[in-house]
Amino acid sequence: MKRPCTAHRTDGQPCEAQAIRGGNVCRVHGGSAPAVKAAAQRRLLDAADPVAAELVRLALYAEDPRVRLSPIKDLLDRAGITQAKQVDVLTVSFLEAEIARMEAELGVNDAA
């Protein structure tokens, strides 16, 4: 979720720009400074472990299966385990026919 910049413009009105990720101010109000970027990165890293722990807790112990499904998918995605792709049966049949045609063309079955 994007947060608004907490700084104010020269006319006293709040800045309406989005703060940098993990930070409190936009790039115009100091969000580009190396120290501000570093502090924002530290805040994000500090939050990562508790958030991941909550994700695991929800995936394992939430009573409602609908609540458990989203964190389970997210955890599997983060682990690099993706959902199986749907394969079109017509594509498989076409590929099998092409393989058989190529084998016949090369005489693969004749040697057996």
PDB file of N, CA and C in Angstrom:
ATOM      1  N   MET A   1       0.846  -1.174   0.000  1.00  0.00           N
ATOM      2  CA  MET A   1       0.000   0.000   0.000  1.00  0.00           C
ATOM      3  C   MET A   1       0.891   1.236   0.000  1.00  0.00           C
ATOM      4  N   LYS A   2       0.606   2.144  -0.909  1.00  0.00           N
ATOM      5  CA  LYS A   2       1.393   3.365  -1.028  1.00  0.00           C
ATOM      6  C   LYS A   2       0.978   4.345   0.059  1.00  0.00           C
ATOM      7  N   ARG A   3       1.981   4.993   0.618  1.00  0.00           N
ATOM      8  CA  ARG A   3       1.733   5.988   1.664  1.00  0.00           C
ATOM      9  C   ARG A   3       1.987   7.376   1.100  1.00  0.00           C
ATOM     10  N   PRO A   4       1.235   8.371   1.564  1.00  0.00           N
ATOM     11  CA  PRO A   4       1.507   9.737   1.102  1.00  0.00           C
ATOM     12  C   PRO A   4       2.728  10.303   1.808  1.00  0.00           C
ATOM     13  N   CYS A   5       3.372  11.231   1.157  1.00  0.00           N
ATOM     14  CA  CYS A   5       4.519  11.936   1.727  1.00  0.00           C
ATOM     15  C   CYS A   5       4.043  12.722   2.950  1.00  0.00           C
ATOM     16  N   THR A   6       4.825  12.697   4.020  1.00  0.00           N
ATOM     17  CA  THR A   6       4.438  13.407   5.250  1.00  0.00           C
ATOM     18  C   THR A   6       4.922  14.857   5.262  1.00  0.00           C
ATOM     19  N   ALA A   7       5.678  15.257   4.250  1.00  0.00           N
ATOM     20  CA  ALA A   7       6.189  16.636   4.190  1.00  0.00           C
ATOM     21  C   ALA A   7       5.098  17.591   3.707  1.00  0.00           C
ATOM     22  N   HIS A   8       5.392  18.872   3.822  1.00  0.00           N
ATOM     23  CA  HIS A   8       4.460  19.905   3.370  1.00  0.00           C
ATOM     24  C   HIS A   8       5.121  20.768   2.306  1.00  0.00           C
ATOM     25  N   ARG A   9       4.303  21.283   1.404  1.00  0.00           N
ATOM     26  CA  ARG A   9       4.796  22.176   0.352  1.00  0.00           C
ATOM     27  C   ARG A   9       5.094  23.541   0.944  1.00  0.00           C
ATOM     28  N   THR A  10       5.688  24.416   0.153  1.00  0.00           N
ATOM     29  CA  THR A  10       6.048  25.753   0.640  1.00  0.00           C
ATOM     30  C   THR A  10       4.823  26.583   1.001  1.00  0.00           C
ATOM     31  N   ASP A  11       3.667  26.252   0.433  1.00  0.00           N
ATOM     32  CA  ASP A  11       2.449  26.994   0.776  1.00  0.00           C
ATOM     33  C   ASP A  11       1.764  26.439   2.025  1.00  0.00           C
ATOM     34  N   GLY A  12       2.403  25.435   2.667  1.00  0.00           N
ATOM     35  CA  GLY A  12       1.857  24.874   3.903  1.00  0.00           C
ATOM     36  C   GLY A  12       0.929  23.692   3.704  1.00  0.00           C
ATOM     37  N   GLN A  13       0.529  23.427   2.470  1.00  0.00           N
ATOM     38  CA  GLN A  13      -0.354  22.302   2.172  1.00  0.00           C
ATOM     39  C   GLN A  13       0.442  20.994   2.208  1.00  0.00           C
ATOM     40  N   PRO A  14      -0.206  19.899   2.590  1.00  0.00           N
ATOM     41  CA  PRO A  14       0.501  18.608   2.594  1.00  0.00           C
ATOM     42  C   PRO A  14       0.917  18.215   1.178  1.00  0.00           C
ATOM     43  N   CYS A  15       2.073  17.595   1.081  1.00  0.00           N
ATOM     44  CA  CYS A  15       2.535  17.069  -0.210  1.00  0.00           C
ATOM     45  C   CYS A  15       1.613  15.902  -0.564  1.00  0.00           C
ATOM     46  N   GLU A  16       1.188  15.827  -1.792  1.00  0.00           N
ATOM     47  CA  GLU A  16       0.278  14.765  -2.198  1.00  0.00           C
ATOM     48  C   GLU A  16       0.977  13.641  -2.954  1.00  0.00           C
ATOM     49  N   ALA A  17       2.303  13.732  -3.052  1.00  0.00           N
ATOM     50  CA  ALA A  17       3.051  12.697  -3.757  1.00  0.00           C
ATOM     51  C   ALA A  17       3.142  11.440  -2.892  1.00  0.00           C
ATOM     52  N   GLN A  18       3.503  10.337  -3.503  1.00  0.00           N
ATOM     53  CA  GLN A  18       3.665   9.093  -2.759  1.00  0.00           C
ATOM     54  C   GLN A  18       5.064   9.031  -2.168  1.00  0.00           C
ATOM     55  N   ALA A  19       5.133   8.569  -0.931  1.00  0.00           N
ATOM     56  CA  ALA A  19       6.425   8.406  -0.273  1.00  0.00           C
ATOM     57  C   ALA A  19       7.181   7.255  -0.940  1.00  0.00           C
ATOM     58  N   ILE A  20       8.514   7.261  -0.817  1.00  0.00           N
ATOM     59  CA  ILE A  20       9.286   6.153  -1.358  1.00  0.00           C
ATOM     60  C   ILE A  20       8.926   4.887  -0.598  1.00  0.00           C
ATOM     61  N   ARG A  21       9.148   3.749  -1.215  1.00  0.00           N
ATOM     62  CA  ARG A  21       8.799   2.477  -0.580  1.00  0.00           C
ATOM     63  C   ARG A  21       9.581   2.320   0.721  1.00  0.00           C
ATOM     64  N   GLY A  22       8.864   2.118   1.812  1.00  0.00           N
ATOM     65  CA  GLY A  22       9.484   1.964   3.123  1.00  0.00           C
ATOM     66  C   GLY A  22       9.802   3.273   3.813  1.00  0.00           C
ATOM     67  N   GLY A  23       9.549   4.372   3.125  1.00  0.00           N
ATOM     68  CA  GLY A  23       9.888   5.681   3.682  1.00  0.00           C
ATOM     69  C   GLY A  23       8.673   6.505   4.029  1.00  0.00           C
ATOM     70  N   ASN A  24       8.950   7.719   4.503  1.00  0.00           N
ATOM     71  CA  ASN A  24       7.872   8.625   4.908  1.00  0.00           C
ATOM     72  C   ASN A  24       7.742   9.836   4.005  1.00  0.00           C
ATOM     73  N   VAL A  25       8.739  10.060   3.138  1.00  0.00           N
ATOM     74  CA  VAL A  25       8.718  11.239   2.270  1.00  0.00           C
ATOM     75  C   VAL A  25       8.929  10.832   0.816  1.00  0.00           C
ATOM     76  N   CYS A  26       8.512  11.702  -0.083  1.00  0.00           N
ATOM     77  CA  CYS A  26       8.696  11.462  -1.518  1.00  0.00           C
ATOM     78  C   CYS A  26      10.139  11.813  -1.896  1.00  0.00           C
ATOM     79  N   ARG A  27      10.513  11.542  -3.129  1.00  0.00           N
ATOM     80  CA  ARG A  27      11.887  11.811  -3.561  1.00  0.00           C
ATOM     81  C   ARG A  27      12.202  13.301  -3.555  1.00  0.00           C
ATOM     82  N   VAL A  28      11.201  14.140  -3.814  1.00  0.00           N
ATOM     83  CA  VAL A  28      11.414  15.590  -3.830  1.00  0.00           C
ATOM     84  C   VAL A  28      11.709  16.110  -2.423  1.00  0.00           C
ATOM     85  N   HIS A  29      11.116  15.516  -1.419  1.00  0.00           N
ATOM     86  CA  HIS A  29      11.288  15.966  -0.034  1.00  0.00           C
ATOM     87  C   HIS A  29      12.361  15.175   0.717  1.00  0.00           C
ATOM     88  N   GLY A  30      13.322  14.630   0.004  1.00  0.00           N
ATOM     89  CA  GLY A  30      14.455  13.969   0.643  1.00  0.00           C
ATOM     90  C   GLY A  30      14.485  12.468   0.491  1.00  0.00           C
ATOM     91  N   GLY A  31      13.497  11.884  -0.154  1.00  0.00           N
ATOM     92  CA  GLY A  31      13.455  10.442  -0.312  1.00  0.00           C
ATOM     93  C   GLY A  31      14.566   9.883  -1.189  1.00  0.00           C
ATOM     94  N   SER A  32      15.250  10.760  -1.951  1.00  0.00           N
ATOM     95  CA  SER A  32      16.354  10.319  -2.803  1.00  0.00           C
ATOM     96  C   SER A  32      17.683  10.283  -2.061  1.00  0.00           C
ATOM     97  N   ALA A  33      17.739  10.863  -0.870  1.00  0.00           N
ATOM     98  CA  ALA A  33      18.987  10.915  -0.108  1.00  0.00           C
ATOM     99  C   ALA A  33      19.421   9.502   0.294  1.00  0.00           C
ATOM    100  N   PRO A  34      20.697   9.190   0.181  1.00  0.00           N
ATOM    101  CA  PRO A  34      21.169   7.847   0.522  1.00  0.00           C
ATOM    102  C   PRO A  34      20.794   7.409   1.937  1.00  0.00           C
ATOM    103  N   ALA A  35      20.866   8.307   2.915  1.00  0.00           N
ATOM    104  CA  ALA A  35      20.535   7.938   4.297  1.00  0.00           C
ATOM    105  C   ALA A  35      19.051   7.610   4.428  1.00  0.00           C
ATOM    106  N   VAL A  36      18.198   8.342   3.727  1.00  0.00           N
ATOM    107  CA  VAL A  36      16.753   8.093   3.768  1.00  0.00           C
ATOM    108  C   VAL A  36      16.439   6.765   3.094  1.00  0.00           C
ATOM    109  N   LYS A  37      17.086   6.495   1.958  1.00  0.00           N
ATOM    110  CA  LYS A  37      16.888   5.217   1.264  1.00  0.00           C
ATOM    111  C   LYS A  37      17.337   4.053   2.141  1.00  0.00           C
ATOM    112  N   ALA A  38      18.469   4.223   2.808  1.00  0.00           N
ATOM    113  CA  ALA A  38      18.991   3.161   3.669  1.00  0.00           C
ATOM    114  C   ALA A  38      18.049   2.893   4.841  1.00  0.00           C
ATOM    115  N   ALA A  39      17.524   3.960   5.440  1.00  0.00           N
ATOM    116  CA  ALA A  39      16.590   3.789   6.558  1.00  0.00           C
ATOM    117  C   ALA A  39      15.309   3.098   6.093  1.00  0.00           C
ATOM    118  N   ALA A  40      14.834   3.468   4.912  1.00  0.00           N
ATOM    119  CA  ALA A  40      13.625   2.839   4.361  1.00  0.00           C
ATOM    120  C   ALA A  40      13.874   1.351   4.113  1.00  0.00           C
ATOM    121  N   GLN A  41      15.043   1.016   3.569  1.00  0.00           N
ATOM    122  CA  GLN A  41      15.382  -0.386   3.317  1.00  0.00           C
ATOM    123  C   GLN A  41      15.457  -1.170   4.625  1.00  0.00           C
ATOM    124  N   ARG A  42      16.034  -0.569   5.664  1.00  0.00           N
ATOM    125  CA  ARG A  42      16.101  -1.231   6.974  1.00  0.00           C
ATOM    126  C   ARG A  42      14.707  -1.499   7.524  1.00  0.00           C
ATOM    127  N   ARG A  43      13.800  -0.521   7.384  1.00  0.00           N
ATOM    128  CA  ARG A  43      12.424  -0.717   7.865  1.00  0.00           C
ATOM    129  C   ARG A  43      11.748  -1.870   7.137  1.00  0.00           C
ATOM    130  N   LEU A  44      11.953  -1.947   5.830  1.00  0.00           N
ATOM    131  CA  LEU A  44      11.349  -3.037   5.056  1.00  0.00           C
ATOM    132  C   LEU A  44      11.918  -4.389   5.467  1.00  0.00           C
ATOM    133  N   LEU A  45      13.233  -4.460   5.647  1.00  0.00           N
ATOM    134  CA  LEU A  45      13.849  -5.725   6.057  1.00  0.00           C
ATOM    135  C   LEU A  45      13.432  -6.118   7.470  1.00  0.00           C
ATOM    136  N   ASP A  46      13.312  -5.140   8.365  1.00  0.00           N
ATOM    137  CA  ASP A  46      12.876  -5.432   9.734  1.00  0.00           C
ATOM    138  C   ASP A  46      11.458  -5.987   9.761  1.00  0.00           C
ATOM    139  N   ALA A  47      10.634  -5.558   8.822  1.00  0.00           N
ATOM    140  CA  ALA A  47       9.245  -6.010   8.786  1.00  0.00           C
ATOM    141  C   ALA A  47       9.092  -7.362   8.093  1.00  0.00           C
ATOM    142  N   ALA A  48      10.070  -7.772   7.307  1.00  0.00           N
ATOM    143  CA  ALA A  48       9.931  -8.979   6.490  1.00  0.00           C
ATOM    144  C   ALA A  48       9.747 -10.246   7.323  1.00  0.00           C
ATOM    145  N   ASP A  49      10.543 -10.442   8.355  1.00  0.00           N
ATOM    146  CA  ASP A  49      10.440 -11.671   9.151  1.00  0.00           C
ATOM    147  C   ASP A  49       9.101 -11.803   9.875  1.00  0.00           C
ATOM    148  N   PRO A  50       8.636 -10.761  10.592  1.00  0.00           N
ATOM    149  CA  PRO A  50       7.334 -10.903  11.247  1.00  0.00           C
ATOM    150  C   PRO A  50       6.188 -11.108  10.256  1.00  0.00           C
ATOM    151  N   VAL A  51       6.273 -10.457   9.114  1.00  0.00           N
ATOM    152  CA  VAL A  51       5.216 -10.604   8.108  1.00  0.00           C
ATOM    153  C   VAL A  51       5.236 -12.025   7.539  1.00  0.00           C
ATOM    154  N   ALA A  52       6.427 -12.556   7.261  1.00  0.00           N
ATOM    155  CA  ALA A  52       6.533 -13.924   6.759  1.00  0.00           C
ATOM    156  C   ALA A  52       6.023 -14.926   7.795  1.00  0.00           C
ATOM    157  N   ALA A  53       6.324 -14.679   9.059  1.00  0.00           N
ATOM    158  CA  ALA A  53       5.845 -15.567  10.123  1.00  0.00           C
ATOM    159  C   ALA A  53       4.315 -15.558  10.191  1.00  0.00           C
ATOM    160  N   GLU A  54       3.722 -14.395  10.039  1.00  0.00           N
ATOM    161  CA  GLU A  54       2.255 -14.300  10.052  1.00  0.00           C
ATOM    162  C   GLU A  54       1.665 -15.014   8.842  1.00  0.00           C
ATOM    163  N   LEU A  55       2.333 -14.909   7.703  1.00  0.00           N
ATOM    164  CA  LEU A  55       1.888 -15.596   6.497  1.00  0.00           C
ATOM    165  C   LEU A  55       1.887 -17.111   6.712  1.00  0.00           C
ATOM    166  N   VAL A  56       2.947 -17.626   7.312  1.00  0.00           N
ATOM    167  CA  VAL A  56       3.032 -19.058   7.614  1.00  0.00           C
ATOM    168  C   VAL A  56       1.949 -19.455   8.615  1.00  0.00           C
ATOM    169  N   ARG A  57       1.750 -18.632   9.649  1.00  0.00           N
ATOM    170  CA  ARG A  57       0.725 -18.923  10.654  1.00  0.00           C
ATOM    171  C   ARG A  57      -0.652 -19.017  10.019  1.00  0.00           C
ATOM    172  N   LEU A  58      -0.976 -18.063   9.152  1.00  0.00           N
ATOM    173  CA  LEU A  58      -2.280 -18.091   8.480  1.00  0.00           C
ATOM    174  C   LEU A  58      -2.415 -19.325   7.593  1.00  0.00           C
ATOM    175  N   ALA A  59      -1.354 -19.641   6.854  1.00  0.00           N
ATOM    176  CA  ALA A  59      -1.402 -20.789   5.946  1.00  0.00           C
ATOM    177  C   ALA A  59      -1.612 -22.096   6.704  1.00  0.00           C
ATOM    178  N   LEU A  60      -1.039 -22.201   7.891  1.00  0.00           N
ATOM    179  CA  LEU A  60      -1.110 -23.462   8.630  1.00  0.00           C
ATOM    180  C   LEU A  60      -2.298 -23.564   9.581  1.00  0.00           C
ATOM    181  N   TYR A  61      -2.695 -22.447  10.181  1.00  0.00           N
ATOM    182  CA  TYR A  61      -3.632 -22.542  11.302  1.00  0.00           C
ATOM    183  C   TYR A  61      -4.949 -21.787  11.158  1.00  0.00           C
ATOM    184  N   ALA A  62      -5.140 -21.019  10.112  1.00  0.00           N
ATOM    185  CA  ALA A  62      -6.416 -20.320   9.959  1.00  0.00           C
ATOM    186  C   ALA A  62      -7.528 -21.351   9.825  1.00  0.00           C
ATOM    187  N   GLU A  63      -8.634 -21.125  10.509  1.00  0.00           N
ATOM    188  CA  GLU A  63      -9.726 -22.104  10.493  1.00  0.00           C
ATOM    189  C   GLU A  63     -10.484 -22.118   9.175  1.00  0.00           C
ATOM    190  N   ASP A  64     -10.679 -20.962   8.576  1.00  0.00           N
ATOM    191  CA  ASP A  64     -11.423 -20.869   7.327  1.00  0.00           C
ATOM    192  C   ASP A  64     -10.501 -21.230   6.154  1.00  0.00           C
ATOM    193  N   PRO A  65     -10.842 -22.257   5.373  1.00  0.00           N
ATOM    194  CA  PRO A  65      -9.987 -22.665   4.252  1.00  0.00           C
ATOM    195  C   PRO A  65      -9.771 -21.543   3.234  1.00  0.00           C
ATOM    196  N   ARG A  66     -10.762 -20.658   3.105  1.00  0.00           N
ATOM    197  CA  ARG A  66     -10.607 -19.543   2.168  1.00  0.00           C
ATOM    198  C   ARG A  66      -9.532 -18.587   2.639  1.00  0.00           C
ATOM    199  N   VAL A  67      -9.383 -18.439   3.946  1.00  0.00           N
ATOM    200  CA  VAL A  67      -8.344 -17.573   4.501  1.00  0.00           C
ATOM    201  C   VAL A  67      -6.977 -18.228   4.308  1.00  0.00           C
ATOM    202  N   ARG A  68      -6.907 -19.535   4.400  1.00  0.00           N
ATOM    203  CA  ARG A  68      -5.636 -20.260   4.282  1.00  0.00           C
ATOM    204  C   ARG A  68      -5.113 -20.301   2.854  1.00  0.00           C
ATOM    205  N   LEU A  69      -6.006 -20.303   1.874  1.00  0.00           N
ATOM    206  CA  LEU A  69      -5.607 -20.494   0.488  1.00  0.00           C
ATOM    207  C   LEU A  69      -4.651 -19.417  -0.019  1.00  0.00           C
ATOM    208  N   SER A  70      -4.943 -18.170   0.233  1.00  0.00           N
ATOM    209  CA  SER A  70      -4.109 -17.087  -0.278  1.00  0.00           C
ATOM    210  C   SER A  70      -2.675 -17.144   0.250  1.00  0.00           C
ATOM    211  N   PRO A  71      -2.453 -17.300   1.577  1.00  0.00           N
ATOM    212  CA  PRO A  71      -1.072 -17.396   2.049  1.00  0.00           C
ATOM    213  C   PRO A  71      -0.364 -18.653   1.553  1.00  0.00           C
ATOM    214  N   ILE A  72      -1.106 -19.739   1.373  1.00  0.00           N
ATOM    215  CA  ILE A  72      -0.494 -20.960   0.857  1.00  0.00           C
ATOM    216  C   ILE A  72       0.028 -20.705  -0.560  1.00  0.00           C
ATOM    217  N   LYS A  73      -0.807 -20.100  -1.408  1.00  0.00           N
ATOM    218  CA  LYS A  73      -0.385 -19.785  -2.771  1.00  0.00           C
ATOM    219  C   LYS A  73       0.817 -18.850  -2.768  1.00  0.00           C
ATOM    220  N   ASP A  74       0.780 -17.848  -1.898  1.00  0.00           N
ATOM    221  CA  ASP A  74       1.875 -16.885  -1.816  1.00  0.00           C
ATOM    222  C   ASP A  74       3.170 -17.559  -1.375  1.00  0.00           C
ATOM    223  N   LEU A  75       3.102 -18.414  -0.362  1.00  0.00           N
ATOM    224  CA  LEU A  75       4.291 -19.108   0.115  1.00  0.00           C
ATOM    225  C   LEU A  75       4.868 -20.034  -0.960  1.00  0.00           C
ATOM    226  N   LEU A  76       4.009 -20.775  -1.646  1.00  0.00           N
ATOM    227  CA  LEU A  76       4.486 -21.652  -2.711  1.00  0.00           C
ATOM    228  C   LEU A  76       5.109 -20.850  -3.844  1.00  0.00           C
ATOM    229  N   ASP A  77       4.503 -19.714  -4.168  1.00  0.00           N
ATOM    230  CA  ASP A  77       5.042 -18.852  -5.215  1.00  0.00           C
ATOM    231  C   ASP A  77       6.425 -18.329  -4.816  1.00  0.00           C
ATOM    232  N   ARG A  78       6.575 -17.906  -3.574  1.00  0.00           N
ATOM    233  CA  ARG A  78       7.865 -17.403  -3.097  1.00  0.00           C
ATOM    234  C   ARG A  78       8.925 -18.500  -3.074  1.00  0.00           C
ATOM    235  N   ALA A  79       8.492 -19.742  -2.887  1.00  0.00           N
ATOM    236  CA  ALA A  79       9.422 -20.869  -2.870  1.00  0.00           C
ATOM    237  C   ALA A  79       9.764 -21.343  -4.285  1.00  0.00           C
ATOM    238  N   GLY A  80       9.119 -20.736  -5.287  1.00  0.00           N
ATOM    239  CA  GLY A  80       9.393 -21.110  -6.670  1.00  0.00           C
ATOM    240  C   GLY A  80       8.581 -22.288  -7.158  1.00  0.00           C
ATOM    241  N   ILE A  81       7.584 -22.689  -6.370  1.00  0.00           N
ATOM    242  CA  ILE A  81       6.721 -23.798  -6.753  1.00  0.00           C
ATOM    243  C   ILE A  81       5.456 -23.185  -7.327  1.00  0.00           C
ATOM    244  N   THR A  82       5.286 -23.307  -8.627  1.00  0.00           N
ATOM    245  CA  THR A  82       4.167 -22.645  -9.279  1.00  0.00           C
ATOM    246  C   THR A  82       3.053 -23.621  -9.580  1.00  0.00           C
ATOM    247  N   GLN A  83       1.913 -23.065  -9.864  1.00  0.00           N
ATOM    248  CA  GLN A  83       0.726 -23.840 -10.193  1.00  0.00           C
ATOM    249  C   GLN A  83       0.944 -24.549 -11.520  1.00  0.00           C
ATOM    250  N   ALA A  84       0.467 -25.772 -11.625  1.00  0.00           N
ATOM    251  CA  ALA A  84       0.582 -26.526 -12.868  1.00  0.00           C
ATOM    252  C   ALA A  84      -0.151 -25.793 -13.978  1.00  0.00           C
ATOM    253  N   LYS A  85       0.452 -25.784 -15.144  1.00  0.00           N
ATOM    254  CA  LYS A  85      -0.162 -25.118 -16.296  1.00  0.00           C
ATOM    255  C   LYS A  85      -1.179 -26.058 -16.926  1.00  0.00           C
ATOM    256  N   GLN A  86      -2.244 -25.497 -17.411  1.00  0.00           N
ATOM    257  CA  GLN A  86      -3.255 -26.294 -18.088  1.00  0.00           C
ATOM    258  C   GLN A  86      -2.756 -26.598 -19.493  1.00  0.00           C
ATOM    259  N   VAL A  87      -2.858 -27.858 -19.909  1.00  0.00           N
ATOM    260  CA  VAL A  87      -2.394 -28.267 -21.224  1.00  0.00           C
ATOM    261  C   VAL A  87      -3.601 -28.619 -22.075  1.00  0.00           C
ATOM    262  N   ASP A  88      -3.627 -28.070 -23.252  1.00  0.00           N
ATOM    263  CA  ASP A  88      -4.714 -28.324 -24.192  1.00  0.00           C
ATOM    264  C   ASP A  88      -4.544 -29.724 -24.782  1.00  0.00           C
ATOM    265  N   VAL A  89      -5.575 -30.556 -24.702  1.00  0.00           N
ATOM    266  CA  VAL A  89      -5.522 -31.931 -25.191  1.00  0.00           C
ATOM    267  C   VAL A  89      -5.259 -31.954 -26.692  1.00  0.00           C
ATOM    268  N   LEU A  90      -5.810 -31.018 -27.438  1.00  0.00           N
ATOM    269  CA  LEU A  90      -5.577 -30.970 -28.880  1.00  0.00           C
ATOM    270  C   LEU A  90      -4.110 -30.716 -29.173  1.00  0.00           C
ATOM    271  N   THR A  91      -3.457 -29.886 -28.378  1.00  0.00           N
ATOM    272  CA  THR A  91      -2.038 -29.616 -28.565  1.00  0.00           C
ATOM    273  C   THR A  91      -1.222 -30.873 -28.328  1.00  0.00           C
ATOM    274  N   VAL A  92      -1.551 -31.631 -27.286  1.00  0.00           N
ATOM    275  CA  VAL A  92      -0.843 -32.877 -26.991  1.00  0.00           C
ATOM    276  C   VAL A  92      -1.015 -33.866 -28.144  1.00  0.00           C
ATOM    277  N   SER A  93      -2.238 -34.015 -28.640  1.00  0.00           N
ATOM    278  CA  SER A  93      -2.497 -34.927 -29.760  1.00  0.00           C
ATOM    279  C   SER A  93      -1.709 -34.496 -30.994  1.00  0.00           C
ATOM    280  N   PHE A  94      -1.664 -33.210 -31.256  1.00  0.00           N
ATOM    281  CA  PHE A  94      -0.918 -32.693 -32.404  1.00  0.00           C
ATOM    282  C   PHE A  94       0.570 -33.004 -32.248  1.00  0.00           C
ATOM    283  N   LEU A  95       1.105 -32.785 -31.046  1.00  0.00           N
ATOM    284  CA  LEU A  95       2.525 -33.044 -30.806  1.00  0.00           C
ATOM    285  C   LEU A  95       2.850 -34.524 -30.944  1.00  0.00           C
ATOM    286  N   GLU A  96       1.987 -35.395 -30.436  1.00  0.00           N
ATOM    287  CA  GLU A  96       2.206 -36.840 -30.574  1.00  0.00           C
ATOM    288  C   GLU A  96       2.220 -37.240 -32.044  1.00  0.00           C
ATOM    289  N   ALA A  97       1.311 -36.677 -32.834  1.00  0.00           N
ATOM    290  CA  ALA A  97       1.252 -36.983 -34.266  1.00  0.00           C
ATOM    291  C   ALA A  97       2.515 -36.486 -34.972  1.00  0.00           C
ATOM    292  N   GLU A  98       3.000 -35.314 -34.585  1.00  0.00           N
ATOM    293  CA  GLU A  98       4.221 -34.765 -35.185  1.00  0.00           C
ATOM    294  C   GLU A  98       5.437 -35.616 -34.838  1.00  0.00           C
ATOM    295  N   ILE A  99       5.502 -36.082 -33.597  1.00  0.00           N
ATOM    296  CA  ILE A  99       6.611 -36.945 -33.186  1.00  0.00           C
ATOM    297  C   ILE A  99       6.587 -38.239 -33.986  1.00  0.00           C
ATOM    298  N   ALA A 100       5.402 -38.837 -34.139  1.00  0.00           N
ATOM    299  CA  ALA A 100       5.274 -40.073 -34.913  1.00  0.00           C
ATOM    300  C   ALA A 100       5.678 -39.842 -36.364  1.00  0.00           C
ATOM    301  N   ARG A 101       5.279 -38.716 -36.932  1.00  0.00           N
ATOM    302  CA  ARG A 101       5.635 -38.393 -38.327  1.00  0.00           C
ATOM    303  C   ARG A 101       7.142 -38.248 -38.474  1.00  0.00           C
ATOM    304  N   MET A 102       7.775 -37.553 -37.527  1.00  0.00           N
ATOM    305  CA  MET A 102       9.226 -37.341 -37.594  1.00  0.00           C
ATOM    306  C   MET A 102       9.983 -38.653 -37.394  1.00  0.00           C
ATOM    307  N   GLU A 103       9.491 -39.495 -36.483  1.00  0.00           N
ATOM    308  CA  GLU A 103      10.120 -40.802 -36.276  1.00  0.00           C
ATOM    309  C   GLU A 103      10.038 -41.638 -37.547  1.00  0.00           C
ATOM    310  N   ALA A 104       8.893 -41.599 -38.210  1.00  0.00           N
ATOM    311  CA  ALA A 104       8.722 -42.348 -39.455  1.00  0.00           C
ATOM    312  C   ALA A 104       9.644 -41.795 -40.546  1.00  0.00           C
ATOM    313  N   GLU A 105       9.757 -40.487 -40.580  1.00  0.00           N
ATOM    314  CA  GLU A 105      10.619 -39.824 -41.570  1.00  0.00           C
ATOM    315  C   GLU A 105      12.081 -40.193 -41.359  1.00  0.00           C
ATOM    316  N   LEU A 106      12.481 -40.313 -40.082  1.00  0.00           N
ATOM    317  CA  LEU A 106      13.869 -40.647 -39.769  1.00  0.00           C
ATOM    318  C   LEU A 106      14.118 -42.141 -39.727  1.00  0.00           C
ATOM    319  N   GLY A 107      13.066 -42.927 -39.791  1.00  0.00           N
ATOM    320  CA  GLY A 107      13.200 -44.376 -39.746  1.00  0.00           C
ATOM    321  C   GLY A 107      13.552 -44.892 -38.369  1.00  0.00           C
ATOM    322  N   VAL A 108      13.120 -44.193 -37.340  1.00  0.00           N
ATOM    323  CA  VAL A 108      13.428 -44.584 -35.961  1.00  0.00           C
ATOM    324  C   VAL A 108      12.796 -45.916 -35.626  1.00  0.00           C
ATOM    325  N   ASN A 109      11.583 -46.163 -36.029  1.00  0.00           N
ATOM    326  CA  ASN A 109      10.884 -47.408 -35.689  1.00  0.00           C
ATOM    327  C   ASN A 109      11.387 -48.589 -36.516  1.00  0.00           C
ATOM    328  N   ASP A 110      12.028 -48.330 -37.670  1.00  0.00           N
ATOM    329  CA  ASP A 110      12.526 -49.400 -38.531  1.00  0.00           C
ATOM    330  C   ASP A 110      13.683 -50.154 -37.887  1.00  0.00           C
ATOM    331  N   ALA A 111      14.485 -49.460 -37.065  1.00  0.00           N
ATOM    332  CA  ALA A 111      15.655 -50.087 -36.444  1.00  0.00           C
ATOM    333  C   ALA A 111      15.264 -51.028 -35.329  1.00  0.00           C
ATOM    334  N   ALA A 112      14.095 -50.845 -34.745  1.00  0.00           N
ATOM    335  CA  ALA A 112      13.668 -51.632 -33.590  1.00  0.00           C
ATOM    336  C   ALA A 112      13.180 -52.988 -33.952  1.00  0.00           C
TER     337      ALA A 112
END
